[in-house]
PDB file of N, CA and C in Angstrom:
ATOM      1  N   MET A   1       9.611   9.298  20.443  1.00  0.00           N
ATOM      2  CA  MET A   1       9.808   7.899  20.743  1.00  0.00           C
ATOM      3  C   MET A   1       9.067   7.055  19.709  1.00  0.00           C
ATOM      4  N   ALA A   2       9.715   6.027  19.206  1.00  0.00           N
ATOM      5  CA  ALA A   2       9.108   5.137  18.218  1.00  0.00           C
ATOM      6  C   ALA A   2       8.061   4.253  18.878  1.00  0.00           C
ATOM      7  N   PRO A   3       7.031   3.865  18.106  1.00  0.00           N
ATOM      8  CA  PRO A   3       6.040   2.956  18.674  1.00  0.00           C
ATOM      9  C   PRO A   3       6.679   1.646  19.098  1.00  0.00           C
ATOM     10  N   PRO A   4       6.101   0.948  20.073  1.00  0.00           N
ATOM     11  CA  PRO A   4       6.696  -0.300  20.565  1.00  0.00           C
ATOM     12  C   PRO A   4       6.969  -1.306  19.460  1.00  0.00           C
ATOM     13  N   PHE A   5       6.076  -1.403  18.481  1.00  0.00           N
ATOM     14  CA  PHE A   5       6.283  -2.360  17.399  1.00  0.00           C
ATOM     15  C   PHE A   5       7.594  -2.079  16.674  1.00  0.00           C
ATOM     16  N   ALA A   6       7.836  -0.811  16.354  1.00  0.00           N
ATOM     17  CA  ALA A   6       9.048  -0.447  15.630  1.00  0.00           C
ATOM     18  C   ALA A   6      10.303  -0.725  16.456  1.00  0.00           C
ATOM     19  N   GLN A   7      10.212  -0.545  17.779  1.00  0.00           N
ATOM     20  CA  GLN A   7      11.358  -0.809  18.631  1.00  0.00           C
ATOM     21  C   GLN A   7      11.668  -2.301  18.708  1.00  0.00           C
ATOM     22  N   ASP A   8      10.625  -3.115  18.797  1.00  0.00           N
ATOM     23  CA  ASP A   8      10.812  -4.547  18.972  1.00  0.00           C
ATOM     24  C   ASP A   8      11.117  -5.285  17.674  1.00  0.00           C
ATOM     25  N   PHE A   9      10.587  -4.772  16.570  1.00  0.00           N
ATOM     26  CA  PHE A   9      10.743  -5.450  15.283  1.00  0.00           C
ATOM     27  C   PHE A   9      11.103  -4.438  14.200  1.00  0.00           C
ATOM     28  N   PRO A  10      12.269  -3.824  14.268  1.00  0.00           N
ATOM     29  CA  PRO A  10      12.598  -2.761  13.312  1.00  0.00           C
ATOM     30  C   PRO A  10      12.603  -3.226  11.860  1.00  0.00           C
ATOM     31  N   ALA A  11      12.974  -4.467  11.581  1.00  0.00           N
ATOM     32  CA  ALA A  11      13.007  -4.940  10.199  1.00  0.00           C
ATOM     33  C   ALA A  11      11.600  -5.047   9.611  1.00  0.00           C
ATOM     34  N   LEU A  12      10.611  -5.371  10.449  1.00  0.00           N
ATOM     35  CA  LEU A  12       9.246  -5.506   9.951  1.00  0.00           C
ATOM     36  C   LEU A  12       8.573  -4.154   9.738  1.00  0.00           C
ATOM     37  N   ALA A  13       9.099  -3.118  10.350  1.00  0.00           N
ATOM     38  CA  ALA A  13       8.514  -1.792  10.192  1.00  0.00           C
ATOM     39  C   ALA A  13       9.139  -1.041   9.026  1.00  0.00           C
ATOM     40  N   ALA A  14      10.039  -1.681   8.298  1.00  0.00           N
ATOM     41  CA  ALA A  14      10.743  -1.033   7.198  1.00  0.00           C
ATOM     42  C   ALA A  14       9.888  -0.991   5.934  1.00  0.00           C
ATOM     43  N   ALA A  15      10.364  -0.252   4.946  1.00  0.00           N
ATOM     44  CA  ALA A  15       9.639   0.047   3.715  1.00  0.00           C
ATOM     45  C   ALA A  15       9.092  -1.154   2.939  1.00  0.00           C
ATOM     46  N   PRO A  16       9.744  -2.307   2.878  1.00  0.00           N
ATOM     47  CA  PRO A  16       9.171  -3.375   2.051  1.00  0.00           C
ATOM     48  C   PRO A  16       7.777  -3.807   2.491  1.00  0.00           C
ATOM     49  N   TYR A  17       7.385  -3.500   3.704  1.00  0.00           N
ATOM     50  CA  TYR A  17       6.088  -3.925   4.205  1.00  0.00           C
ATOM     51  C   TYR A  17       5.061  -2.805   4.162  1.00  0.00           C
ATOM     52  N   GLN A  18       5.438  -1.676   3.593  1.00  0.00           N
ATOM     53  CA  GLN A  18       4.495  -0.580   3.442  1.00  0.00           C
ATOM     54  C   GLN A  18       3.821  -0.696   2.086  1.00  0.00           C
ATOM     55  N   MET A  19       2.556  -0.314   2.010  1.00  0.00           N
ATOM     56  CA  MET A  19       1.847  -0.382   0.745  1.00  0.00           C
ATOM     57  C   MET A  19       1.831   0.972   0.072  1.00  0.00           C
ATOM     58  N   THR A  20       1.683   0.926  -1.230  1.00  0.00           N
ATOM     59  CA  THR A  20       1.447   2.129  -1.996  1.00  0.00           C
ATOM     60  C   THR A  20      -0.042   2.158  -2.307  1.00  0.00           C
ATOM     61  N   PRO A  21      -0.786   3.100  -1.759  1.00  0.00           N
ATOM     62  CA  PRO A  21      -2.222   3.135  -2.017  1.00  0.00           C
ATOM     63  C   PRO A  21      -2.506   3.508  -3.465  1.00  0.00           C
ATOM     64  N   LEU A  22      -3.496   2.839  -4.052  1.00  0.00           N
ATOM     65  CA  LEU A  22      -3.835   3.076  -5.448  1.00  0.00           C
ATOM     66  C   LEU A  22      -5.242   3.613  -5.648  1.00  0.00           C
ATOM     67  N   GLY A  23      -6.126   3.417  -4.708  1.00  0.00           N
ATOM     68  CA  GLY A  23      -7.482   3.925  -4.880  1.00  0.00           C
ATOM     69  C   GLY A  23      -8.435   3.344  -3.871  1.00  0.00           C
ATOM     70  N   TYR A  24      -9.569   4.009  -3.733  1.00  0.00           N
ATOM     71  CA  TYR A  24     -10.601   3.629  -2.770  1.00  0.00           C
ATOM     72  C   TYR A  24     -11.962   3.852  -3.401  1.00  0.00           C
ATOM     73  N   ARG A  25     -12.883   2.955  -3.130  1.00  0.00           N
ATOM     74  CA  ARG A  25     -14.275   3.150  -3.517  1.00  0.00           C
ATOM     75  C   ARG A  25     -15.171   2.549  -2.442  1.00  0.00           C
ATOM     76  N   GLN A  26     -16.319   3.188  -2.248  1.00  0.00           N
ATOM     77  CA  GLN A  26     -17.359   2.622  -1.404  1.00  0.00           C
ATOM     78  C   GLN A  26     -18.406   2.033  -2.338  1.00  0.00           C
ATOM     79  N   LEU A  27     -18.788   0.782  -2.083  1.00  0.00           N
ATOM     80  CA  LEU A  27     -19.693   0.057  -2.970  1.00  0.00           C
ATOM     81  C   LEU A  27     -20.954  -0.354  -2.218  1.00  0.00           C
ATOM     82  N   SER A  28     -22.064  -0.372  -2.940  1.00  0.00           N
ATOM     83  CA  SER A  28     -23.318  -0.934  -2.434  1.00  0.00           C
ATOM     84  C   SER A  28     -23.524  -2.258  -3.136  1.00  0.00           C
ATOM     85  N   ILE A  29     -23.625  -3.329  -2.355  1.00  0.00           N
ATOM     86  CA  ILE A  29     -23.743  -4.678  -2.899  1.00  0.00           C
ATOM     87  C   ILE A  29     -25.079  -5.255  -2.447  1.00  0.00           C
ATOM     88  N   SER A  30     -25.857  -5.753  -3.385  1.00  0.00           N
ATOM     89  CA  SER A  30     -27.084  -6.460  -3.013  1.00  0.00           C
ATOM     90  C   SER A  30     -27.025  -7.846  -3.633  1.00  0.00           C
ATOM     91  N   ALA A  31     -27.522  -7.983  -4.835  1.00  0.00           N
ATOM     92  CA  ALA A  31     -27.449  -9.275  -5.512  1.00  0.00           C
ATOM     93  C   ALA A  31     -25.998  -9.576  -5.858  1.00  0.00           C
ATOM     94  N   SER A  32     -25.707 -10.832  -6.122  1.00  0.00           N
ATOM     95  CA  SER A  32     -24.348 -11.239  -6.431  1.00  0.00           C
ATOM     96  C   SER A  32     -23.804 -10.462  -7.624  1.00  0.00           C
ATOM     97  N   THR A  33     -22.578  -9.994  -7.485  1.00  0.00           N
ATOM     98  CA  THR A  33     -21.918  -9.256  -8.555  1.00  0.00           C
ATOM     99  C   THR A  33     -20.430  -9.529  -8.477  1.00  0.00           C
ATOM    100  N   THR A  34     -19.738  -9.312  -9.568  1.00  0.00           N
ATOM    101  CA  THR A  34     -18.281  -9.416  -9.514  1.00  0.00           C
ATOM    102  C   THR A  34     -17.733  -8.128  -8.923  1.00  0.00           C
ATOM    103  N   LEU A  35     -16.569  -8.223  -8.335  1.00  0.00           N
ATOM    104  CA  LEU A  35     -15.918  -7.033  -7.804  1.00  0.00           C
ATOM    105  C   LEU A  35     -15.688  -6.025  -8.928  1.00  0.00           C
ATOM    106  N   VAL A  36     -15.295  -6.499 -10.098  1.00  0.00           N
ATOM    107  CA  VAL A  36     -15.021  -5.617 -11.243  1.00  0.00           C
ATOM    108  C   VAL A  36     -16.289  -4.859 -11.642  1.00  0.00           C
ATOM    109  N   ALA A  37     -17.437  -5.557 -11.711  1.00  0.00           N
ATOM    110  CA  ALA A  37     -18.695  -4.900 -12.078  1.00  0.00           C
ATOM    111  C   ALA A  37     -19.124  -3.892 -11.019  1.00  0.00           C
ATOM    112  N   ALA A  38     -18.951  -4.233  -9.741  1.00  0.00           N
ATOM    113  CA  ALA A  38     -19.310  -3.307  -8.668  1.00  0.00           C
ATOM    114  C   ALA A  38     -18.447  -2.052  -8.728  1.00  0.00           C
ATOM    115  N   LEU A  39     -17.178  -2.206  -9.041  1.00  0.00           N
ATOM    116  CA  LEU A  39     -16.291  -1.046  -9.166  1.00  0.00           C
ATOM    117  C   LEU A  39     -16.691  -0.183 -10.353  1.00  0.00           C
ATOM    118  N   ALA A  40     -17.079  -0.810 -11.456  1.00  0.00           N
ATOM    119  CA  ALA A  40     -17.489  -0.065 -12.645  1.00  0.00           C
ATOM    120  C   ALA A  40     -18.761   0.728 -12.394  1.00  0.00           C
ATOM    121  N   ALA A  41     -19.614   0.233 -11.479  1.00  0.00           N
ATOM    122  CA  ALA A  41     -20.868   0.913 -11.167  1.00  0.00           C
ATOM    123  C   ALA A  41     -20.703   1.970 -10.075  1.00  0.00           C
ATOM    124  N   ALA A  42     -19.527   2.042  -9.471  1.00  0.00           N
ATOM    125  CA  ALA A  42     -19.280   3.003  -8.392  1.00  0.00           C
ATOM    126  C   ALA A  42     -19.266   4.424  -8.949  1.00  0.00           C
ATOM    127  N   THR A  43     -19.410   5.404  -8.051  1.00  0.00           N
ATOM    128  CA  THR A  43     -19.338   6.803  -8.440  1.00  0.00           C
ATOM    129  C   THR A  43     -18.185   7.467  -7.719  1.00  0.00           C
ATOM    130  N   PRO A  44     -17.130   7.884  -8.403  1.00  0.00           N
ATOM    131  CA  PRO A  44     -16.867   7.627  -9.810  1.00  0.00           C
ATOM    132  C   PRO A  44     -16.436   6.178 -10.010  1.00  0.00           C
ATOM    133  N   PRO A  45     -16.538   5.693 -11.237  1.00  0.00           N
ATOM    134  CA  PRO A  45     -16.126   4.303 -11.501  1.00  0.00           C
ATOM    135  C   PRO A  45     -14.637   4.101 -11.203  1.00  0.00           C
ATOM    136  N   TYR A  46     -14.283   2.871 -10.876  1.00  0.00           N
ATOM    137  CA  TYR A  46     -12.880   2.507 -10.660  1.00  0.00           C
ATOM    138  C   TYR A  46     -12.574   1.359 -11.600  1.00  0.00           C
ATOM    139  N   VAL A  47     -11.645   1.561 -12.495  1.00  0.00           N
ATOM    140  CA  VAL A  47     -11.248   0.523 -13.436  1.00  0.00           C
ATOM    141  C   VAL A  47      -9.894  -0.018 -12.993  1.00  0.00           C
ATOM    142  N   LEU A  48      -9.826  -1.324 -12.780  1.00  0.00           N
ATOM    143  CA  LEU A  48      -8.562  -1.936 -12.372  1.00  0.00           C
ATOM    144  C   LEU A  48      -7.520  -1.735 -13.454  1.00  0.00           C
ATOM    145  N   SER A  49      -6.335  -1.305 -13.050  1.00  0.00           N
ATOM    146  CA  SER A  49      -5.272  -1.031 -14.012  1.00  0.00           C
ATOM    147  C   SER A  49      -4.358  -2.228 -14.236  1.00  0.00           C
ATOM    148  N   GLY A  50      -4.440  -3.208 -13.358  1.00  0.00           N
ATOM    149  CA  GLY A  50      -3.559  -4.366 -13.469  1.00  0.00           C
ATOM    150  C   GLY A  50      -2.354  -4.298 -12.553  1.00  0.00           C
ATOM    151  N   ILE A  51      -2.110  -3.132 -11.941  1.00  0.00           N
ATOM    152  CA  ILE A  51      -0.969  -3.032 -11.025  1.00  0.00           C
ATOM    153  C   ILE A  51      -1.389  -3.289  -9.582  1.00  0.00           C
ATOM    154  N   GLU A  52      -2.703  -3.357  -9.325  1.00  0.00           N
ATOM    155  CA  GLU A  52      -3.183  -3.633  -7.974  1.00  0.00           C
ATOM    156  C   GLU A  52      -2.755  -5.045  -7.572  1.00  0.00           C
ATOM    157  N   ARG A  53      -2.195  -5.168  -6.388  1.00  0.00           N
ATOM    158  CA  ARG A  53      -1.733  -6.468  -5.902  1.00  0.00           C
ATOM    159  C   ARG A  53      -2.607  -6.999  -4.770  1.00  0.00           C
ATOM    160  N   PHE A  54      -3.279  -6.100  -4.053  1.00  0.00           N
ATOM    161  CA  PHE A  54      -4.147  -6.548  -2.981  1.00  0.00           C
ATOM    162  C   PHE A  54      -5.223  -5.504  -2.725  1.00  0.00           C
ATOM    163  N   ALA A  55      -6.244  -5.932  -2.015  1.00  0.00           N
ATOM    164  CA  ALA A  55      -7.311  -5.027  -1.614  1.00  0.00           C
ATOM    165  C   ALA A  55      -7.663  -5.302  -0.165  1.00  0.00           C
ATOM    166  N   VAL A  56      -7.955  -4.246   0.552  1.00  0.00           N
ATOM    167  CA  VAL A  56      -8.524  -4.358   1.882  1.00  0.00           C
ATOM    168  C   VAL A  56      -9.999  -4.039   1.697  1.00  0.00           C
ATOM    169  N   ILE A  57     -10.843  -5.025   1.991  1.00  0.00           N
ATOM    170  CA  ILE A  57     -12.280  -4.887   1.794  1.00  0.00           C
ATOM    171  C   ILE A  57     -12.936  -4.908   3.167  1.00  0.00           C
ATOM    172  N   SER A  58     -13.450  -3.762   3.585  1.00  0.00           N
ATOM    173  CA  SER A  58     -14.098  -3.696   4.892  1.00  0.00           C
ATOM    174  C   SER A  58     -15.606  -3.592   4.698  1.00  0.00           C
ATOM    175  N   VAL A  59     -16.314  -4.352   5.499  1.00  0.00           N
ATOM    176  CA  VAL A  59     -17.769  -4.415   5.406  1.00  0.00           C
ATOM    177  C   VAL A  59     -18.327  -3.466   6.456  1.00  0.00           C
ATOM    178  N   GLU A  60     -19.028  -2.445   5.991  1.00  0.00           N
ATOM    179  CA  GLU A  60     -19.540  -1.426   6.907  1.00  0.00           C
ATOM    180  C   GLU A  60     -20.962  -1.735   7.372  1.00  0.00           C
ATOM    181  N   VAL A  61     -21.824  -2.087   6.436  1.00  0.00           N
ATOM    182  CA  VAL A  61     -23.232  -2.337   6.750  1.00  0.00           C
ATOM    183  C   VAL A  61     -23.654  -3.661   6.124  1.00  0.00           C
ATOM    184  N   ASN A  62     -24.233  -4.557   6.883  1.00  0.00           N
ATOM    185  CA  ASN A  62     -24.739  -5.873   6.458  1.00  0.00           C
ATOM    186  C   ASN A  62     -23.616  -6.794   5.978  1.00  0.00           C
ATOM    187  N   ALA A  63     -23.667  -8.012   6.417  1.00  0.00           N
ATOM    188  CA  ALA A  63     -22.652  -9.018   6.101  1.00  0.00           C
ATOM    189  C   ALA A  63     -22.681  -9.377   4.615  1.00  0.00           C
ATOM    190  N   ILE A  64     -21.539  -9.876   4.127  1.00  0.00           N
ATOM    191  CA  ILE A  64     -21.421 -10.324   2.735  1.00  0.00           C
ATOM    192  C   ILE A  64     -20.914 -11.764   2.704  1.00  0.00           C
ATOM    193  N   ARG A  65     -20.953 -12.341   1.533  1.00  0.00           N
ATOM    194  CA  ARG A  65     -20.239 -13.576   1.223  1.00  0.00           C
ATOM    195  C   ARG A  65     -19.447 -13.307  -0.049  1.00  0.00           C
ATOM    196  N   TRP A  66     -18.283 -13.934  -0.130  1.00  0.00           N
ATOM    197  CA  TRP A  66     -17.445 -13.756  -1.310  1.00  0.00           C
ATOM    198  C   TRP A  66     -16.857 -15.103  -1.713  1.00  0.00           C
ATOM    199  N   ILE A  67     -16.496 -15.190  -2.975  1.00  0.00           N
ATOM    200  CA  ILE A  67     -15.826 -16.382  -3.497  1.00  0.00           C
ATOM    201  C   ILE A  67     -14.990 -15.943  -4.690  1.00  0.00           C
ATOM    202  N   ASP A  68     -13.863 -16.606  -4.925  1.00  0.00           N
ATOM    203  CA  ASP A  68     -12.964 -16.151  -5.994  1.00  0.00           C
ATOM    204  C   ASP A  68     -12.516 -17.267  -6.938  1.00  0.00           C
ATOM    205  N   ASP A  69     -13.293 -18.349  -6.999  1.00  0.00           N
ATOM    206  CA  ASP A  69     -12.882 -19.457  -7.870  1.00  0.00           C
ATOM    207  C   ASP A  69     -13.714 -19.552  -9.146  1.00  0.00           C
ATOM    208  N   GLY A  70     -14.390 -18.474  -9.508  1.00  0.00           N
ATOM    209  CA  GLY A  70     -15.192 -18.467 -10.720  1.00  0.00           C
ATOM    210  C   GLY A  70     -16.646 -18.823 -10.480  1.00  0.00           C
ATOM    211  N   GLN A  71     -16.975 -19.322  -9.281  1.00  0.00           N
ATOM    212  CA  GLN A  71     -18.367 -19.591  -8.951  1.00  0.00           C
ATOM    213  C   GLN A  71     -19.034 -18.282  -8.517  1.00  0.00           C
ATOM    214  N   THR A  72     -20.317 -18.342  -8.256  1.00  0.00           N
ATOM    215  CA  THR A  72     -21.069 -17.148  -7.891  1.00  0.00           C
ATOM    216  C   THR A  72     -21.434 -17.179  -6.413  1.00  0.00           C
ATOM    217  N   ALA A  73     -21.015 -16.147  -5.695  1.00  0.00           N
ATOM    218  CA  ALA A  73     -21.409 -16.007  -4.289  1.00  0.00           C
ATOM    219  C   ALA A  73     -22.897 -15.683  -4.235  1.00  0.00           C
ATOM    220  N   THR A  74     -23.562 -16.179  -3.210  1.00  0.00           N
ATOM    221  CA  THR A  74     -24.971 -15.860  -2.983  1.00  0.00           C
ATOM    222  C   THR A  74     -25.131 -15.467  -1.514  1.00  0.00           C
ATOM    223  N   ALA A  75     -26.340 -15.179  -1.112  1.00  0.00           N
ATOM    224  CA  ALA A  75     -26.603 -14.821   0.285  1.00  0.00           C
ATOM    225  C   ALA A  75     -26.265 -15.956   1.238  1.00  0.00           C
ATOM    226  N   SER A  76     -26.230 -17.195   0.719  1.00  0.00           N
ATOM    227  CA  SER A  76     -25.958 -18.342   1.596  1.00  0.00           C
ATOM    228  C   SER A  76     -24.772 -19.188   1.146  1.00  0.00           C
ATOM    229  N   TYR A  77     -24.058 -18.761   0.108  1.00  0.00           N
ATOM    230  CA  TYR A  77     -22.932 -19.551  -0.412  1.00  0.00           C
ATOM    231  C   TYR A  77     -21.716 -18.657  -0.605  1.00  0.00           C
ATOM    232  N   GLY A  78     -20.606 -19.062  -0.046  1.00  0.00           N
ATOM    233  CA  GLY A  78     -19.356 -18.320  -0.144  1.00  0.00           C
ATOM    234  C   GLY A  78     -18.786 -18.084   1.239  1.00  0.00           C
ATOM    235  N   ASN A  79     -17.665 -17.425   1.286  1.00  0.00           N
ATOM    236  CA  ASN A  79     -16.977 -17.126   2.544  1.00  0.00           C
ATOM    237  C   ASN A  79     -17.643 -15.928   3.209  1.00  0.00           C
ATOM    238  N   PRO A  80     -18.138 -16.081   4.444  1.00  0.00           N
ATOM    239  CA  PRO A  80     -18.825 -14.967   5.093  1.00  0.00           C
ATOM    240  C   PRO A  80     -17.858 -13.951   5.701  1.00  0.00           C
ATOM    241  N   VAL A  81     -18.261 -12.683   5.625  1.00  0.00           N
ATOM    242  CA  VAL A  81     -17.548 -11.595   6.302  1.00  0.00           C
ATOM    243  C   VAL A  81     -18.623 -10.717   6.930  1.00  0.00           C
ATOM    244  N   GLY A  82     -18.579 -10.577   8.246  1.00  0.00           N
ATOM    245  CA  GLY A  82     -19.593  -9.821   8.965  1.00  0.00           C
ATOM    246  C   GLY A  82     -19.374  -8.322   8.903  1.00  0.00           C
ATOM    247  N   ALA A  83     -20.448  -7.587   9.148  1.00  0.00           N
ATOM    248  CA  ALA A  83     -20.348  -6.128   9.237  1.00  0.00           C
ATOM    249  C   ALA A  83     -19.370  -5.767  10.344  1.00  0.00           C
ATOM    250  N   GLY A  84     -18.522  -4.810  10.088  1.00  0.00           N
ATOM    251  CA  GLY A  84     -17.502  -4.413  11.041  1.00  0.00           C
ATOM    252  C   GLY A  84     -16.205  -5.185  10.900  1.00  0.00           C
ATOM    253  N   SER A  85     -16.171  -6.128   9.961  1.00  0.00           N
ATOM    254  CA  SER A  85     -14.966  -6.932   9.719  1.00  0.00           C
ATOM    255  C   SER A  85     -14.338  -6.537   8.391  1.00  0.00           C
ATOM    256  N   ALA A  86     -13.111  -7.003   8.186  1.00  0.00           N
ATOM    257  CA  ALA A  86     -12.404  -6.694   6.950  1.00  0.00           C
ATOM    258  C   ALA A  86     -11.750  -7.951   6.385  1.00  0.00           C
ATOM    259  N   LEU A  87     -11.511  -7.911   5.106  1.00  0.00           N
ATOM    260  CA  LEU A  87     -10.890  -9.000   4.368  1.00  0.00           C
ATOM    261  C   LEU A  87      -9.686  -8.434   3.628  1.00  0.00           C
ATOM    262  N   ASP A  88      -8.519  -9.043   3.802  1.00  0.00           N
ATOM    263  CA  ASP A  88      -7.343  -8.700   2.997  1.00  0.00           C
ATOM    264  C   ASP A  88      -7.328  -9.677   1.839  1.00  0.00           C
ATOM    265  N   PHE A  89      -7.499  -9.182   0.619  1.00  0.00           N
ATOM    266  CA  PHE A  89      -7.639 -10.051  -0.539  1.00  0.00           C
ATOM    267  C   PHE A  89      -6.477  -9.858  -1.494  1.00  0.00           C
ATOM    268  N   THR A  90      -5.842 -10.976  -1.887  1.00  0.00           N
ATOM    269  CA  THR A  90      -4.715 -10.925  -2.823  1.00  0.00           C
ATOM    270  C   THR A  90      -4.915 -11.862  -4.006  1.00  0.00           C
ATOM    271  N   GLY A  91      -6.135 -12.304  -4.242  1.00  0.00           N
ATOM    272  CA  GLY A  91      -6.403 -13.246  -5.328  1.00  0.00           C
ATOM    273  C   GLY A  91      -6.670 -12.555  -6.651  1.00  0.00           C
ATOM    274  N   ASN A  92      -7.369 -13.271  -7.528  1.00  0.00           N
ATOM    275  CA  ASN A  92      -7.723 -12.767  -8.846  1.00  0.00           C
ATOM    276  C   ASN A  92      -8.961 -11.890  -8.717  1.00  0.00           C
ATOM    277  N   PHE A  93      -8.806 -10.592  -8.879  1.00  0.00           N
ATOM    278  CA  PHE A  93      -9.923  -9.667  -8.727  1.00  0.00           C
ATOM    279  C   PHE A  93     -11.032  -9.952  -9.735  1.00  0.00           C
ATOM    280  N   GLY A  94     -10.678 -10.418 -10.925  1.00  0.00           N
ATOM    281  CA  GLY A  94     -11.664 -10.697 -11.963  1.00  0.00           C
ATOM    282  C   GLY A  94     -12.565 -11.872 -11.648  1.00  0.00           C
ATOM    283  N   ASN A  95     -12.114 -12.786 -10.799  1.00  0.00           N
ATOM    284  CA  ASN A  95     -12.913 -13.961 -10.438  1.00  0.00           C
ATOM    285  C   ASN A  95     -13.714 -13.770  -9.161  1.00  0.00           C
ATOM    286  N   MET A  96     -13.527 -12.660  -8.475  1.00  0.00           N
ATOM    287  CA  MET A  96     -14.176 -12.481  -7.177  1.00  0.00           C
ATOM    288  C   MET A  96     -15.615 -12.022  -7.348  1.00  0.00           C
ATOM    289  N   THR A  97     -16.551 -12.768  -6.742  1.00  0.00           N
ATOM    290  CA  THR A  97     -17.938 -12.320  -6.675  1.00  0.00           C
ATOM    291  C   THR A  97     -18.300 -12.070  -5.216  1.00  0.00           C
ATOM    292  N   ILE A  98     -19.187 -11.095  -5.019  1.00  0.00           N
ATOM    293  CA  ILE A  98     -19.618 -10.676  -3.688  1.00  0.00           C
ATOM    294  C   ILE A  98     -21.140 -10.619  -3.684  1.00  0.00           C
ATOM    295  N   ALA A  99     -21.746 -11.039  -2.590  1.00  0.00           N
ATOM    296  CA  ALA A  99     -23.192 -10.918  -2.427  1.00  0.00           C
ATOM    297  C   ALA A  99     -23.504 -10.517  -0.994  1.00  0.00           C
ATOM    298  N   ALA A 100     -24.514  -9.680  -0.843  1.00  0.00           N
ATOM    299  CA  ALA A 100     -24.982  -9.340   0.503  1.00  0.00           C
ATOM    300  C   ALA A 100     -25.723 -10.546   1.064  1.00  0.00           C
ATOM    301  N   GLN A 101     -25.547 -10.796   2.359  1.00  0.00           N
ATOM    302  CA  GLN A 101     -26.285 -11.887   2.992  1.00  0.00           C
ATOM    303  C   GLN A 101     -27.728 -11.496   3.245  1.00  0.00           C
ATOM    304  N   ASN A 102     -27.982 -10.189   3.351  1.00  0.00           N
ATOM    305  CA  ASN A 102     -29.338  -9.716   3.619  1.00  0.00           C
ATOM    306  C   ASN A 102     -29.418  -8.254   3.190  1.00  0.00           C
ATOM    307  N   GLY A 103     -30.384  -7.891   2.380  1.00  0.00           N
ATOM    308  CA  GLY A 103     -30.560  -6.505   1.974  1.00  0.00           C
ATOM    309  C   GLY A 103     -29.405  -6.017   1.116  1.00  0.00           C
ATOM    310  N   THR A 104     -28.939  -4.817   1.419  1.00  0.00           N
ATOM    311  CA  THR A 104     -27.827  -4.209   0.694  1.00  0.00           C
ATOM    312  C   THR A 104     -26.672  -3.986   1.657  1.00  0.00           C
ATOM    313  N   ALA A 105     -25.491  -4.406   1.245  1.00  0.00           N
ATOM    314  CA  ALA A 105     -24.293  -4.229   2.062  1.00  0.00           C
ATOM    315  C   ALA A 105     -23.496  -3.029   1.555  1.00  0.00           C
ATOM    316  N   THR A 106     -22.879  -2.323   2.470  1.00  0.00           N
ATOM    317  CA  THR A 106     -21.951  -1.256   2.124  1.00  0.00           C
ATOM    318  C   THR A 106     -20.550  -1.783   2.367  1.00  0.00           C
ATOM    319  N   VAL A 107     -19.730  -1.727   1.326  1.00  0.00           N
ATOM    320  CA  VAL A 107     -18.384  -2.291   1.362  1.00  0.00           C
ATOM    321  C   VAL A 107     -17.395  -1.204   0.955  1.00  0.00           C
ATOM    322  N   ASN A 108     -16.326  -1.062   1.708  1.00  0.00           N
ATOM    323  CA  ASN A 108     -15.267  -0.097   1.405  1.00  0.00           C
ATOM    324  C   ASN A 108     -14.061  -0.880   0.895  1.00  0.00           C
ATOM    325  N   VAL A 109     -13.541  -0.487  -0.272  1.00  0.00           N
ATOM    326  CA  VAL A 109     -12.430  -1.215  -0.892  1.00  0.00           C
ATOM    327  C   VAL A 109     -11.259  -0.260  -1.100  1.00  0.00           C
ATOM    328  N   SER A 110     -10.100  -0.611  -0.574  1.00  0.00           N
ATOM    329  CA  SER A 110      -8.866   0.139  -0.801  1.00  0.00           C
ATOM    330  C   SER A 110      -7.866  -0.776  -1.488  1.00  0.00           C
ATOM    331  N   PHE A 111      -7.342  -0.319  -2.618  1.00  0.00           N
ATOM    332  CA  PHE A 111      -6.374  -1.098  -3.385  1.00  0.00           C
ATOM    333  C   PHE A 111      -4.958  -0.599  -3.114  1.00  0.00           C
ATOM    334  N   GLY A 112      -4.018  -1.513  -3.200  1.00  0.00           N
ATOM    335  CA  GLY A 112      -2.626  -1.152  -3.020  1.00  0.00           C
ATOM    336  C   GLY A 112      -1.717  -2.064  -3.804  1.00  0.00           C
ATOM    337  N   LYS A 113      -0.463  -1.663  -3.830  1.00  0.00           N
ATOM    338  CA  LYS A 113       0.573  -2.499  -4.449  1.00  0.00           C
ATOM    339  C   LYS A 113       1.796  -2.489  -3.576  1.00  0.00           C
TER     340      LYS A 113
END
């Protein structure tokens, strides 16, 4: 039996709404950093290829703030995301900065297209 969502909205459960996963990294964020720099410092490093269209960024430990307009996120400036929450991001990855609100944050990032 198909899940209720698929029965009620078959067009929305079709392939155009499925993502192609491109990669995952777990990041430790403390002081403000760009997403690109945090990925480069990850083990193993993740270099954006340019085909990534969105990222799901889930905050595992300690809240973060983020901003994507070229300014620098700080512990008290930017869009807050609490621990246990996630952010679906489709903006310019090169302009995104992230900062832990307190201590070091653990952030899980999954890219897709």
